[in-house]
Amino acid sequence: MSNYDKVKSSQQGKETIKNAIKQEGLTQDKLATQANISLDTLKRLIWTKDVKDNIPASVDRFAVENIAQVLKLKPTDIVDPKEWQGDKLFKYRQKFNALLEDKQRHFVGRKFVFDAIDDFINNHNKGYFTIIAKPGEGKSSIIANYVDGETRYKVYHKSFADFLNSNEMVQLAGVEITNIHGLIADRLWQELYGDDEE
């Protein structure tokens, strides 16, 4: 069974299941029995078991189909339609969005930093810059907040903790940036077409 035979319920989907259970006058145990799935599987769909970083665990497609049938719903009432239809990059976007939310949760705005980034972008038609600060001073939060608001730019985040001078860091960052394009292309190829390169 491939990963694409497994799906996750959406935030709205879990609420839809909970409301439908009440409307049908069922308990979780009765629904699981009627849908011919385990109670643990149902709990994964309503986000009360195996949730990590605000992302629920995956379940088999047939479990969603069975629950939808018992509750008189469509599978896409439970699972995001893009995921249900097999969007192969959906799970990565979901994890990335959870990462952004985590980094932004306690973010206190630093307008002067965003003004400096905007100034750089507006005055340079190409290039890159680095944000240098001590550990815990919010570099990741700044990047997460900026990426969330500015989808038209590519942002590459790499932490270099052990460098003595910034020249060494900039040289390595240049090497990392040139290599990242190949890594991304290889990863997308594997996800979309498998490991066979014919």
N, C-alpha and C. Protein backbone atom coordinates (compact mmCIF):
# COMPACT_ATOMS: atom_id res chain seq x y z
N MET A 1 0.85 -1.18 0.00
CA MET A 1 0.00 0.00 0.00
C MET A 1 0.89 1.23 0.00
N SER A 2 0.65 2.18 -0.88
CA SER A 2 1.48 3.38 -0.96
C SER A 2 0.96 4.44 -0.01
N ASN A 3 1.77 5.50 0.18
CA ASN A 3 1.35 6.61 1.03
C ASN A 3 0.13 7.32 0.48
N TYR A 4 -0.11 7.16 -0.82
CA TYR A 4 -1.24 7.86 -1.42
C TYR A 4 -2.55 7.12 -1.18
N ASP A 5 -2.49 5.92 -0.57
CA ASP A 5 -3.68 5.21 -0.16
C ASP A 5 -4.09 5.64 1.25
N LYS A 6 -3.31 6.53 1.82
CA LYS A 6 -3.59 7.05 3.16
C LYS A 6 -3.89 8.54 3.06
N VAL A 7 -4.80 9.00 3.91
CA VAL A 7 -5.21 10.40 3.91
C VAL A 7 -5.39 10.87 5.35
N LYS A 8 -5.51 12.19 5.50
CA LYS A 8 -5.74 12.80 6.82
C LYS A 8 -7.02 13.62 6.77
N SER A 9 -7.74 13.66 7.87
CA SER A 9 -8.92 14.52 7.92
C SER A 9 -8.48 15.97 8.06
N SER A 10 -9.27 16.86 7.51
CA SER A 10 -8.98 18.29 7.64
C SER A 10 -9.54 18.80 8.96
N GLN A 11 -9.18 20.02 9.32
CA GLN A 11 -9.72 20.65 10.53
C GLN A 11 -11.25 20.68 10.44
N GLN A 12 -11.76 21.10 9.29
CA GLN A 12 -13.20 21.15 9.08
C GLN A 12 -13.79 19.74 9.06
N GLY A 13 -13.05 18.79 8.50
CA GLY A 13 -13.52 17.41 8.42
C GLY A 13 -13.74 16.79 9.78
N LYS A 14 -12.83 17.06 10.72
CA LYS A 14 -13.00 16.49 12.06
C LYS A 14 -14.25 17.04 12.72
N GLU A 15 -14.53 18.34 12.51
CA GLU A 15 -15.74 18.93 13.09
C GLU A 15 -16.99 18.37 12.41
N THR A 16 -16.91 18.13 11.11
CA THR A 16 -18.03 17.55 10.37
C THR A 16 -18.36 16.16 10.92
N ILE A 17 -17.32 15.35 11.18
CA ILE A 17 -17.55 14.02 11.75
C ILE A 17 -18.20 14.13 13.12
N LYS A 18 -17.67 15.00 13.98
CA LYS A 18 -18.22 15.14 15.34
C LYS A 18 -19.68 15.56 15.29
N ASN A 19 -20.00 16.53 14.43
CA ASN A 19 -21.39 16.99 14.33
C ASN A 19 -22.30 15.90 13.78
N ALA A 20 -21.82 15.15 12.79
CA ALA A 20 -22.62 14.08 12.20
C ALA A 20 -22.86 12.95 13.20
N ILE A 21 -21.88 12.66 14.04
CA ILE A 21 -22.07 11.64 15.09
C ILE A 21 -23.22 12.05 15.99
N LYS A 22 -23.25 13.32 16.39
CA LYS A 22 -24.33 13.81 17.25
C LYS A 22 -25.67 13.74 16.53
N GLN A 23 -25.70 14.20 15.27
CA GLN A 23 -26.96 14.21 14.50
C GLN A 23 -27.52 12.81 14.30
N GLU A 24 -26.64 11.84 14.11
CA GLU A 24 -27.09 10.46 13.89
C GLU A 24 -27.36 9.73 15.21
N GLY A 25 -27.07 10.39 16.33
CA GLY A 25 -27.30 9.77 17.64
C GLY A 25 -26.39 8.58 17.91
N LEU A 26 -25.18 8.65 17.42
CA LEU A 26 -24.22 7.56 17.58
C LEU A 26 -23.18 7.90 18.64
N THR A 27 -22.53 6.88 19.13
CA THR A 27 -21.33 7.07 19.94
C THR A 27 -20.14 6.76 19.03
N GLN A 28 -18.95 7.10 19.49
CA GLN A 28 -17.76 6.79 18.71
C GLN A 28 -17.62 5.27 18.52
N ASP A 29 -17.91 4.52 19.58
CA ASP A 29 -17.82 3.05 19.49
C ASP A 29 -18.78 2.50 18.45
N LYS A 30 -20.02 2.98 18.46
CA LYS A 30 -21.02 2.48 17.51
C LYS A 30 -20.65 2.85 16.07
N LEU A 31 -20.16 4.08 15.88
CA LEU A 31 -19.76 4.49 14.53
C LEU A 31 -18.62 3.62 14.02
N ALA A 32 -17.63 3.39 14.87
CA ALA A 32 -16.49 2.55 14.46
C ALA A 32 -16.96 1.15 14.09
N THR A 33 -17.87 0.60 14.87
CA THR A 33 -18.40 -0.75 14.58
C THR A 33 -19.16 -0.76 13.26
N GLN A 34 -20.05 0.22 13.07
CA GLN A 34 -20.85 0.27 11.83
C GLN A 34 -19.97 0.52 10.60
N ALA A 35 -18.90 1.28 10.78
CA ALA A 35 -18.01 1.60 9.66
C ALA A 35 -16.96 0.50 9.45
N ASN A 36 -16.96 -0.49 10.34
CA ASN A 36 -16.02 -1.61 10.24
C ASN A 36 -14.56 -1.14 10.31
N ILE A 37 -14.31 -0.23 11.24
CA ILE A 37 -12.95 0.27 11.48
C ILE A 37 -12.68 0.21 12.98
N SER A 38 -11.44 0.39 13.37
CA SER A 38 -11.12 0.39 14.80
C SER A 38 -11.47 1.75 15.40
N LEU A 39 -11.69 1.74 16.70
CA LEU A 39 -11.95 2.99 17.41
C LEU A 39 -10.73 3.91 17.31
N ASP A 40 -9.53 3.35 17.33
CA ASP A 40 -8.31 4.16 17.19
C ASP A 40 -8.28 4.89 15.85
N THR A 41 -8.71 4.22 14.78
CA THR A 41 -8.75 4.87 13.47
C THR A 41 -9.71 6.05 13.48
N LEU A 42 -10.88 5.86 14.08
CA LEU A 42 -11.84 6.96 14.19
C LEU A 42 -11.23 8.11 14.99
N LYS A 43 -10.54 7.80 16.08
CA LYS A 43 -9.93 8.84 16.90
C LYS A 43 -8.86 9.61 16.13
N ARG A 44 -8.16 8.93 15.23
CA ARG A 44 -7.18 9.63 14.40
C ARG A 44 -7.88 10.63 13.47
N LEU A 45 -9.06 10.26 12.99
CA LEU A 45 -9.80 11.15 12.09
C LEU A 45 -10.40 12.35 12.80
N ILE A 46 -10.71 12.20 14.10
CA ILE A 46 -11.27 13.35 14.83
C ILE A 46 -10.21 14.02 15.71
N TRP A 47 -8.96 13.71 15.43
CA TRP A 47 -7.80 14.38 16.03
C TRP A 47 -7.70 14.20 17.54
N THR A 48 -8.10 13.05 18.06
CA THR A 48 -7.92 12.81 19.49
C THR A 48 -6.86 11.74 19.75
N LYS A 49 -6.19 11.28 18.68
CA LYS A 49 -5.11 10.29 18.83
C LYS A 49 -4.05 10.55 17.76
N ASP A 50 -2.80 10.48 18.16
CA ASP A 50 -1.65 10.56 17.24
C ASP A 50 -1.58 11.86 16.44
N VAL A 51 -1.85 12.99 17.08
CA VAL A 51 -1.72 14.29 16.42
C VAL A 51 -0.35 14.85 16.77
N LYS A 52 0.41 15.29 15.75
CA LYS A 52 1.75 15.85 15.99
C LYS A 52 1.87 17.16 15.23
N ASP A 53 2.28 18.21 15.91
CA ASP A 53 2.44 19.53 15.30
C ASP A 53 1.16 19.97 14.59
N ASN A 54 0.03 19.70 15.22
CA ASN A 54 -1.28 20.09 14.70
C ASN A 54 -1.61 19.41 13.36
N ILE A 55 -0.98 18.27 13.10
CA ILE A 55 -1.28 17.48 11.90
C ILE A 55 -1.72 16.10 12.37
N PRO A 56 -2.92 15.67 11.96
CA PRO A 56 -3.40 14.36 12.39
C PRO A 56 -2.67 13.22 11.69
N ALA A 57 -2.78 12.04 12.25
CA ALA A 57 -2.18 10.85 11.64
C ALA A 57 -2.96 10.45 10.39
N SER A 58 -2.29 9.74 9.50
CA SER A 58 -2.94 9.24 8.29
C SER A 58 -3.75 7.99 8.59
N VAL A 59 -4.81 7.80 7.80
CA VAL A 59 -5.62 6.58 7.88
C VAL A 59 -5.84 6.07 6.46
N ASP A 60 -6.24 4.82 6.34
CA ASP A 60 -6.52 4.26 5.02
C ASP A 60 -7.75 4.91 4.41
N ARG A 61 -7.74 5.05 3.09
CA ARG A 61 -8.87 5.65 2.38
C ARG A 61 -10.18 4.92 2.65
N PHE A 62 -10.12 3.60 2.73
CA PHE A 62 -11.36 2.85 2.92
C PHE A 62 -12.03 3.24 4.23
N ALA A 63 -11.25 3.61 5.26
CA ALA A 63 -11.82 4.01 6.54
C ALA A 63 -12.65 5.28 6.37
N VAL A 64 -12.12 6.23 5.60
CA VAL A 64 -12.86 7.48 5.34
C VAL A 64 -14.12 7.17 4.54
N GLU A 65 -13.99 6.31 3.53
CA GLU A 65 -15.17 5.95 2.72
C GLU A 65 -16.24 5.29 3.57
N ASN A 66 -15.85 4.39 4.47
CA ASN A 66 -16.81 3.70 5.33
C ASN A 66 -17.50 4.67 6.29
N ILE A 67 -16.73 5.57 6.90
CA ILE A 67 -17.32 6.54 7.82
C ILE A 67 -18.26 7.47 7.06
N ALA A 68 -17.83 7.92 5.90
CA ALA A 68 -18.68 8.81 5.10
C ALA A 68 -20.00 8.12 4.75
N GLN A 69 -19.94 6.86 4.42
CA GLN A 69 -21.16 6.13 4.06
C GLN A 69 -22.11 6.03 5.26
N VAL A 70 -21.59 5.67 6.43
CA VAL A 70 -22.42 5.54 7.63
C VAL A 70 -23.03 6.89 8.02
N LEU A 71 -22.25 7.97 7.91
CA LEU A 71 -22.72 9.30 8.33
C LEU A 71 -23.42 10.07 7.21
N LYS A 72 -23.56 9.43 6.04
CA LYS A 72 -24.22 10.05 4.88
C LYS A 72 -23.49 11.32 4.44
N LEU A 73 -22.18 11.20 4.35
CA LEU A 73 -21.31 12.30 3.92
C LEU A 73 -20.55 11.88 2.67
N LYS A 74 -19.85 12.83 2.08
CA LYS A 74 -18.89 12.53 1.01
C LYS A 74 -17.50 12.47 1.64
N PRO A 75 -16.61 11.66 1.10
CA PRO A 75 -15.24 11.64 1.65
C PRO A 75 -14.59 13.03 1.68
N THR A 76 -14.93 13.87 0.70
CA THR A 76 -14.33 15.22 0.67
C THR A 76 -14.95 16.15 1.71
N ASP A 77 -15.98 15.69 2.44
CA ASP A 77 -16.46 16.43 3.60
C ASP A 77 -15.53 16.20 4.79
N ILE A 78 -14.75 15.14 4.71
CA ILE A 78 -13.85 14.75 5.80
C ILE A 78 -12.39 15.09 5.48
N VAL A 79 -11.99 14.83 4.25
CA VAL A 79 -10.61 15.04 3.81
C VAL A 79 -10.58 16.18 2.80
N ASP A 80 -9.54 17.01 2.87
CA ASP A 80 -9.40 18.10 1.90
C ASP A 80 -9.46 17.52 0.48
N PRO A 81 -10.29 18.12 -0.40
CA PRO A 81 -10.44 17.58 -1.76
C PRO A 81 -9.12 17.40 -2.50
N LYS A 82 -8.16 18.30 -2.31
CA LYS A 82 -6.86 18.16 -2.99
C LYS A 82 -6.15 16.90 -2.55
N GLU A 83 -6.20 16.63 -1.26
CA GLU A 83 -5.55 15.41 -0.76
C GLU A 83 -6.32 14.19 -1.24
N TRP A 84 -7.64 14.25 -1.20
CA TRP A 84 -8.44 13.10 -1.61
C TRP A 84 -8.20 12.75 -3.08
N GLN A 85 -8.00 13.77 -3.90
CA GLN A 85 -7.80 13.55 -5.33
C GLN A 85 -6.36 13.14 -5.65
N GLY A 86 -5.51 13.09 -4.65
CA GLY A 86 -4.16 12.57 -4.86
C GLY A 86 -3.11 13.61 -5.19
N ASP A 87 -3.30 14.87 -4.78
CA ASP A 87 -2.27 15.88 -4.97
C ASP A 87 -1.03 15.42 -4.20
N LYS A 88 0.00 15.03 -4.93
CA LYS A 88 1.17 14.39 -4.32
C LYS A 88 2.00 15.34 -3.45
N LEU A 89 1.88 16.62 -3.65
CA LEU A 89 2.66 17.56 -2.85
C LEU A 89 1.85 18.11 -1.68
N PHE A 90 0.59 17.72 -1.55
CA PHE A 90 -0.29 18.26 -0.51
C PHE A 90 0.28 18.03 0.89
N LYS A 91 0.79 16.81 1.15
CA LYS A 91 1.28 16.51 2.50
C LYS A 91 2.47 17.39 2.86
N TYR A 92 3.30 17.75 1.87
CA TYR A 92 4.44 18.62 2.16
C TYR A 92 3.99 20.05 2.45
N ARG A 93 2.99 20.52 1.69
CA ARG A 93 2.45 21.86 1.97
C ARG A 93 1.83 21.89 3.36
N GLN A 94 1.15 20.81 3.74
CA GLN A 94 0.52 20.74 5.04
C GLN A 94 1.57 20.82 6.16
N LYS A 95 2.65 20.08 6.02
CA LYS A 95 3.72 20.11 7.03
C LYS A 95 4.40 21.47 7.05
N PHE A 96 4.62 22.07 5.88
CA PHE A 96 5.27 23.37 5.80
C PHE A 96 4.40 24.43 6.48
N ASN A 97 3.08 24.38 6.23
CA ASN A 97 2.18 25.35 6.86
C ASN A 97 2.17 25.19 8.37
N ALA A 98 2.25 23.96 8.86
CA ALA A 98 2.32 23.73 10.31
C ALA A 98 3.61 24.31 10.88
N LEU A 99 4.72 24.17 10.14
CA LEU A 99 5.99 24.75 10.57
C LEU A 99 5.90 26.27 10.64
N LEU A 100 5.29 26.89 9.62
CA LEU A 100 5.13 28.35 9.63
C LEU A 100 4.30 28.79 10.82
N GLU A 101 3.20 28.10 11.07
CA GLU A 101 2.35 28.45 12.21
C GLU A 101 3.11 28.34 13.52
N ASP A 102 3.91 27.29 13.67
CA ASP A 102 4.68 27.09 14.88
C ASP A 102 5.68 28.23 15.10
N LYS A 103 6.38 28.62 14.03
CA LYS A 103 7.38 29.68 14.15
C LYS A 103 6.74 31.05 14.40
N GLN A 104 5.50 31.24 13.95
CA GLN A 104 4.85 32.54 14.09
C GLN A 104 4.01 32.66 15.35
N ARG A 105 3.80 31.57 16.06
CA ARG A 105 2.86 31.55 17.17
C ARG A 105 3.10 32.68 18.18
N HIS A 106 4.33 32.89 18.59
CA HIS A 106 4.63 33.92 19.59
C HIS A 106 5.46 35.05 18.98
N PHE A 107 5.29 35.27 17.69
CA PHE A 107 6.10 36.26 16.99
C PHE A 107 5.68 37.67 17.37
N VAL A 108 6.66 38.49 17.71
CA VAL A 108 6.44 39.91 17.97
C VAL A 108 7.04 40.65 16.79
N GLY A 109 6.23 41.42 16.09
CA GLY A 109 6.66 42.07 14.85
C GLY A 109 7.92 42.90 14.99
N ARG A 110 8.70 42.88 13.97
CA ARG A 110 9.92 43.69 13.90
C ARG A 110 9.86 44.45 12.58
N LYS A 111 9.08 45.51 12.59
CA LYS A 111 8.81 46.26 11.36
C LYS A 111 10.10 46.72 10.68
N PHE A 112 11.08 47.16 11.45
CA PHE A 112 12.31 47.66 10.85
C PHE A 112 13.03 46.57 10.05
N VAL A 113 12.92 45.31 10.47
CA VAL A 113 13.54 44.21 9.73
C VAL A 113 12.82 44.01 8.40
N PHE A 114 11.49 44.01 8.43
CA PHE A 114 10.73 43.82 7.19
C PHE A 114 10.91 45.01 6.26
N ASP A 115 11.05 46.20 6.82
CA ASP A 115 11.33 47.38 5.98
C ASP A 115 12.68 47.24 5.28
N ALA A 116 13.68 46.72 6.01
CA ALA A 116 15.01 46.53 5.41
C ALA A 116 14.96 45.46 4.31
N ILE A 117 14.22 44.40 4.54
CA ILE A 117 14.08 43.35 3.51
C ILE A 117 13.38 43.92 2.28
N ASP A 118 12.29 44.64 2.50
CA ASP A 118 11.56 45.25 1.37
C ASP A 118 12.45 46.24 0.62
N ASP A 119 13.23 47.02 1.36
CA ASP A 119 14.13 47.98 0.73
C ASP A 119 15.15 47.26 -0.15
N PHE A 120 15.71 46.17 0.35
CA PHE A 120 16.67 45.39 -0.45
C PHE A 120 16.01 44.86 -1.73
N ILE A 121 14.84 44.28 -1.59
CA ILE A 121 14.14 43.70 -2.75
C ILE A 121 13.78 44.77 -3.77
N ASN A 122 13.33 45.92 -3.29
CA ASN A 122 12.93 47.00 -4.20
C ASN A 122 14.12 47.65 -4.90
N ASN A 123 15.30 47.61 -4.29
CA ASN A 123 16.47 48.28 -4.87
C ASN A 123 17.44 47.33 -5.58
N HIS A 124 17.17 46.05 -5.55
CA HIS A 124 18.04 45.06 -6.21
C HIS A 124 17.17 44.09 -6.99
N ASN A 125 17.46 43.94 -8.27
CA ASN A 125 16.64 43.02 -9.06
C ASN A 125 17.12 41.57 -8.96
N LYS A 126 18.23 41.32 -8.29
CA LYS A 126 18.68 39.95 -8.02
C LYS A 126 19.67 39.99 -6.87
N GLY A 127 19.95 38.83 -6.33
CA GLY A 127 20.91 38.74 -5.24
C GLY A 127 20.32 38.05 -4.02
N TYR A 128 21.10 38.07 -2.96
CA TYR A 128 20.63 37.47 -1.72
C TYR A 128 21.23 38.24 -0.55
N PHE A 129 20.66 38.02 0.62
CA PHE A 129 21.17 38.66 1.82
C PHE A 129 21.08 37.65 2.96
N THR A 130 21.76 37.95 4.04
CA THR A 130 21.72 37.06 5.20
C THR A 130 21.20 37.83 6.40
N ILE A 131 20.56 37.10 7.27
CA ILE A 131 20.12 37.65 8.56
C ILE A 131 21.00 36.99 9.60
N ILE A 132 21.78 37.79 10.29
CA ILE A 132 22.73 37.26 11.26
C ILE A 132 22.33 37.75 12.65
N ALA A 133 22.20 36.82 13.57
CA ALA A 133 21.86 37.16 14.95
C ALA A 133 22.23 35.98 15.84
N LYS A 134 22.19 36.22 17.13
CA LYS A 134 22.51 35.17 18.09
C LYS A 134 21.35 34.16 18.16
N PRO A 135 21.65 32.96 18.67
CA PRO A 135 20.59 31.96 18.82
C PRO A 135 19.44 32.48 19.68
N GLY A 136 18.22 32.22 19.23
CA GLY A 136 17.05 32.62 19.99
C GLY A 136 16.57 34.03 19.76
N GLU A 137 17.20 34.77 18.86
CA GLU A 137 16.81 36.16 18.63
C GLU A 137 15.75 36.31 17.54
N GLY A 138 15.24 35.20 16.99
CA GLY A 138 14.08 35.28 16.12
C GLY A 138 14.32 35.21 14.63
N LYS A 139 15.48 34.72 14.21
CA LYS A 139 15.75 34.64 12.76
C LYS A 139 14.73 33.75 12.06
N SER A 140 14.48 32.58 12.61
CA SER A 140 13.52 31.65 11.99
C SER A 140 12.12 32.23 11.98
N SER A 141 11.75 32.92 13.05
CA SER A 141 10.42 33.54 13.10
C SER A 141 10.28 34.64 12.06
N ILE A 142 11.33 35.42 11.88
CA ILE A 142 11.29 36.48 10.87
C ILE A 142 11.10 35.87 9.49
N ILE A 143 11.87 34.84 9.18
CA ILE A 143 11.76 34.20 7.87
C ILE A 143 10.39 33.57 7.69
N ALA A 144 9.90 32.86 8.71
CA ALA A 144 8.58 32.23 8.60
C ALA A 144 7.50 33.27 8.38
N ASN A 145 7.58 34.38 9.11
CA ASN A 145 6.59 35.44 8.95
C ASN A 145 6.67 36.07 7.58
N TYR A 146 7.89 36.27 7.08
CA TYR A 146 8.05 36.89 5.77
C TYR A 146 7.58 35.96 4.66
N VAL A 147 7.92 34.69 4.74
CA VAL A 147 7.50 33.72 3.72
C VAL A 147 5.99 33.62 3.68
N ASP A 148 5.36 33.64 4.84
CA ASP A 148 3.90 33.53 4.90
C ASP A 148 3.22 34.69 4.21
N GLY A 149 3.81 35.88 4.30
CA GLY A 149 3.20 37.06 3.68
C GLY A 149 3.65 37.33 2.26
N GLU A 150 4.82 36.86 1.87
CA GLU A 150 5.39 37.15 0.55
C GLU A 150 5.61 35.86 -0.22
N THR A 151 4.63 35.44 -0.97
CA THR A 151 4.77 34.17 -1.69
C THR A 151 5.44 34.33 -3.04
N ARG A 152 5.75 35.54 -3.46
CA ARG A 152 6.34 35.73 -4.79
C ARG A 152 7.86 35.59 -4.80
N TYR A 153 8.47 35.43 -3.63
CA TYR A 153 9.92 35.30 -3.55
C TYR A 153 10.29 33.92 -3.02
N LYS A 154 11.44 33.43 -3.44
CA LYS A 154 11.96 32.17 -2.93
C LYS A 154 12.86 32.49 -1.74
N VAL A 155 12.66 31.79 -0.66
CA VAL A 155 13.45 31.99 0.53
C VAL A 155 14.13 30.67 0.87
N TYR A 156 15.43 30.73 1.11
CA TYR A 156 16.19 29.55 1.50
C TYR A 156 16.74 29.81 2.90
N HIS A 157 16.40 28.96 3.83
CA HIS A 157 16.80 29.14 5.22
C HIS A 157 17.82 28.07 5.58
N LYS A 158 18.97 28.51 6.00
CA LYS A 158 20.02 27.58 6.43
C LYS A 158 20.67 28.18 7.67
N SER A 159 20.81 27.40 8.69
CA SER A 159 21.43 27.87 9.92
C SER A 159 22.90 27.46 9.94
N PHE A 160 23.76 28.44 10.09
CA PHE A 160 25.20 28.20 10.22
C PHE A 160 25.61 28.67 11.61
N ALA A 161 25.75 27.76 12.53
CA ALA A 161 25.98 28.15 13.91
C ALA A 161 27.46 28.26 14.29
N ASP A 162 28.36 27.61 13.59
CA ASP A 162 29.73 27.49 14.06
C ASP A 162 30.76 28.29 13.27
N PHE A 163 30.36 29.34 12.56
CA PHE A 163 31.32 30.08 11.76
C PHE A 163 31.95 31.21 12.55
N LEU A 164 33.24 31.46 12.28
CA LEU A 164 33.95 32.52 12.99
C LEU A 164 33.77 33.87 12.32
N ASN A 165 33.66 33.90 10.98
CA ASN A 165 33.49 35.19 10.32
C ASN A 165 32.42 35.10 9.24
N SER A 166 31.89 36.25 8.88
CA SER A 166 30.77 36.27 7.94
C SER A 166 31.20 35.98 6.51
N ASN A 167 32.47 36.25 6.13
CA ASN A 167 32.93 35.94 4.77
C ASN A 167 32.83 34.44 4.50
N GLU A 168 33.28 33.65 5.47
CA GLU A 168 33.21 32.21 5.34
C GLU A 168 31.76 31.76 5.20
N MET A 169 30.88 32.38 5.97
CA MET A 169 29.46 32.03 5.93
C MET A 169 28.85 32.38 4.57
N VAL A 170 29.15 33.55 4.04
CA VAL A 170 28.60 33.97 2.75
C VAL A 170 29.08 33.05 1.63
N GLN A 171 30.36 32.65 1.67
CA GLN A 171 30.88 31.74 0.65
C GLN A 171 30.15 30.40 0.68
N LEU A 172 29.95 29.84 1.86
CA LEU A 172 29.25 28.57 1.97
C LEU A 172 27.78 28.72 1.59
N ALA A 173 27.17 29.83 1.96
CA ALA A 173 25.77 30.06 1.60
C ALA A 173 25.61 30.07 0.08
N GLY A 174 26.58 30.65 -0.63
CA GLY A 174 26.52 30.65 -2.09
C GLY A 174 26.57 29.24 -2.65
N VAL A 175 27.41 28.40 -2.08
CA VAL A 175 27.49 27.00 -2.51
C VAL A 175 26.18 26.29 -2.20
N GLU A 176 25.63 26.50 -1.01
CA GLU A 176 24.37 25.87 -0.63
C GLU A 176 23.24 26.28 -1.56
N ILE A 177 23.18 27.56 -1.91
CA ILE A 177 22.10 28.05 -2.78
C ILE A 177 22.20 27.42 -4.16
N THR A 178 23.41 27.27 -4.69
CA THR A 178 23.53 26.66 -6.02
C THR A 178 23.16 25.19 -5.98
N ASN A 179 23.41 24.51 -4.88
CA ASN A 179 23.09 23.09 -4.77
C ASN A 179 21.62 22.82 -4.48
N ILE A 180 20.93 23.75 -3.87
CA ILE A 180 19.55 23.49 -3.44
C ILE A 180 18.62 23.25 -4.62
N HIS A 181 18.87 23.90 -5.76
CA HIS A 181 17.99 23.70 -6.92
C HIS A 181 18.01 22.25 -7.38
N GLY A 182 19.17 21.64 -7.43
CA GLY A 182 19.27 20.23 -7.82
C GLY A 182 18.60 19.31 -6.83
N LEU A 183 18.77 19.61 -5.54
CA LEU A 183 18.14 18.79 -4.51
C LEU A 183 16.62 18.84 -4.61
N ILE A 184 16.09 20.04 -4.82
CA ILE A 184 14.64 20.20 -4.94
C ILE A 184 14.13 19.45 -6.17
N ALA A 185 14.81 19.60 -7.28
CA ALA A 185 14.39 18.93 -8.52
C ALA A 185 14.40 17.41 -8.33
N ASP A 186 15.46 16.88 -7.71
CA ASP A 186 15.53 15.44 -7.47
C ASP A 186 14.39 14.96 -6.58
N ARG A 187 14.12 15.71 -5.52
CA ARG A 187 13.06 15.32 -4.57
C ARG A 187 11.69 15.34 -5.24
N LEU A 188 11.41 16.37 -6.02
CA LEU A 188 10.13 16.44 -6.72
C LEU A 188 9.99 15.31 -7.72
N TRP A 189 11.08 14.99 -8.44
CA TRP A 189 11.04 13.89 -9.40
C TRP A 189 10.68 12.58 -8.70
N GLN A 190 11.32 12.32 -7.56
CA GLN A 190 11.04 11.09 -6.81
C GLN A 190 9.60 11.05 -6.34
N GLU A 191 9.08 12.18 -5.85
CA GLU A 191 7.70 12.21 -5.36
C GLU A 191 6.69 12.05 -6.48
N LEU A 192 6.96 12.65 -7.61
CA LEU A 192 5.99 12.62 -8.71
C LEU A 192 6.08 11.35 -9.54
N TYR A 193 7.29 10.83 -9.73
CA TYR A 193 7.46 9.72 -10.66
C TYR A 193 8.10 8.47 -10.04
N GLY A 194 8.40 8.50 -8.77
CA GLY A 194 9.04 7.35 -8.15
C GLY A 194 10.54 7.40 -8.33
N ASP A 195 11.20 6.32 -8.02
CA ASP A 195 12.66 6.27 -8.09
C ASP A 195 13.19 5.94 -9.46
N ASP A 196 12.34 5.50 -10.39
CA ASP A 196 12.79 5.12 -11.72
C ASP A 196 13.06 6.35 -12.57
N GLU A 197 14.26 6.47 -13.09
CA GLU A 197 14.62 7.56 -13.99
C GLU A 197 14.88 6.95 -15.36
N GLU A 198 13.83 6.85 -16.15
CA GLU A 198 13.97 6.22 -17.47
C GLU A 198 14.18 7.24 -18.54
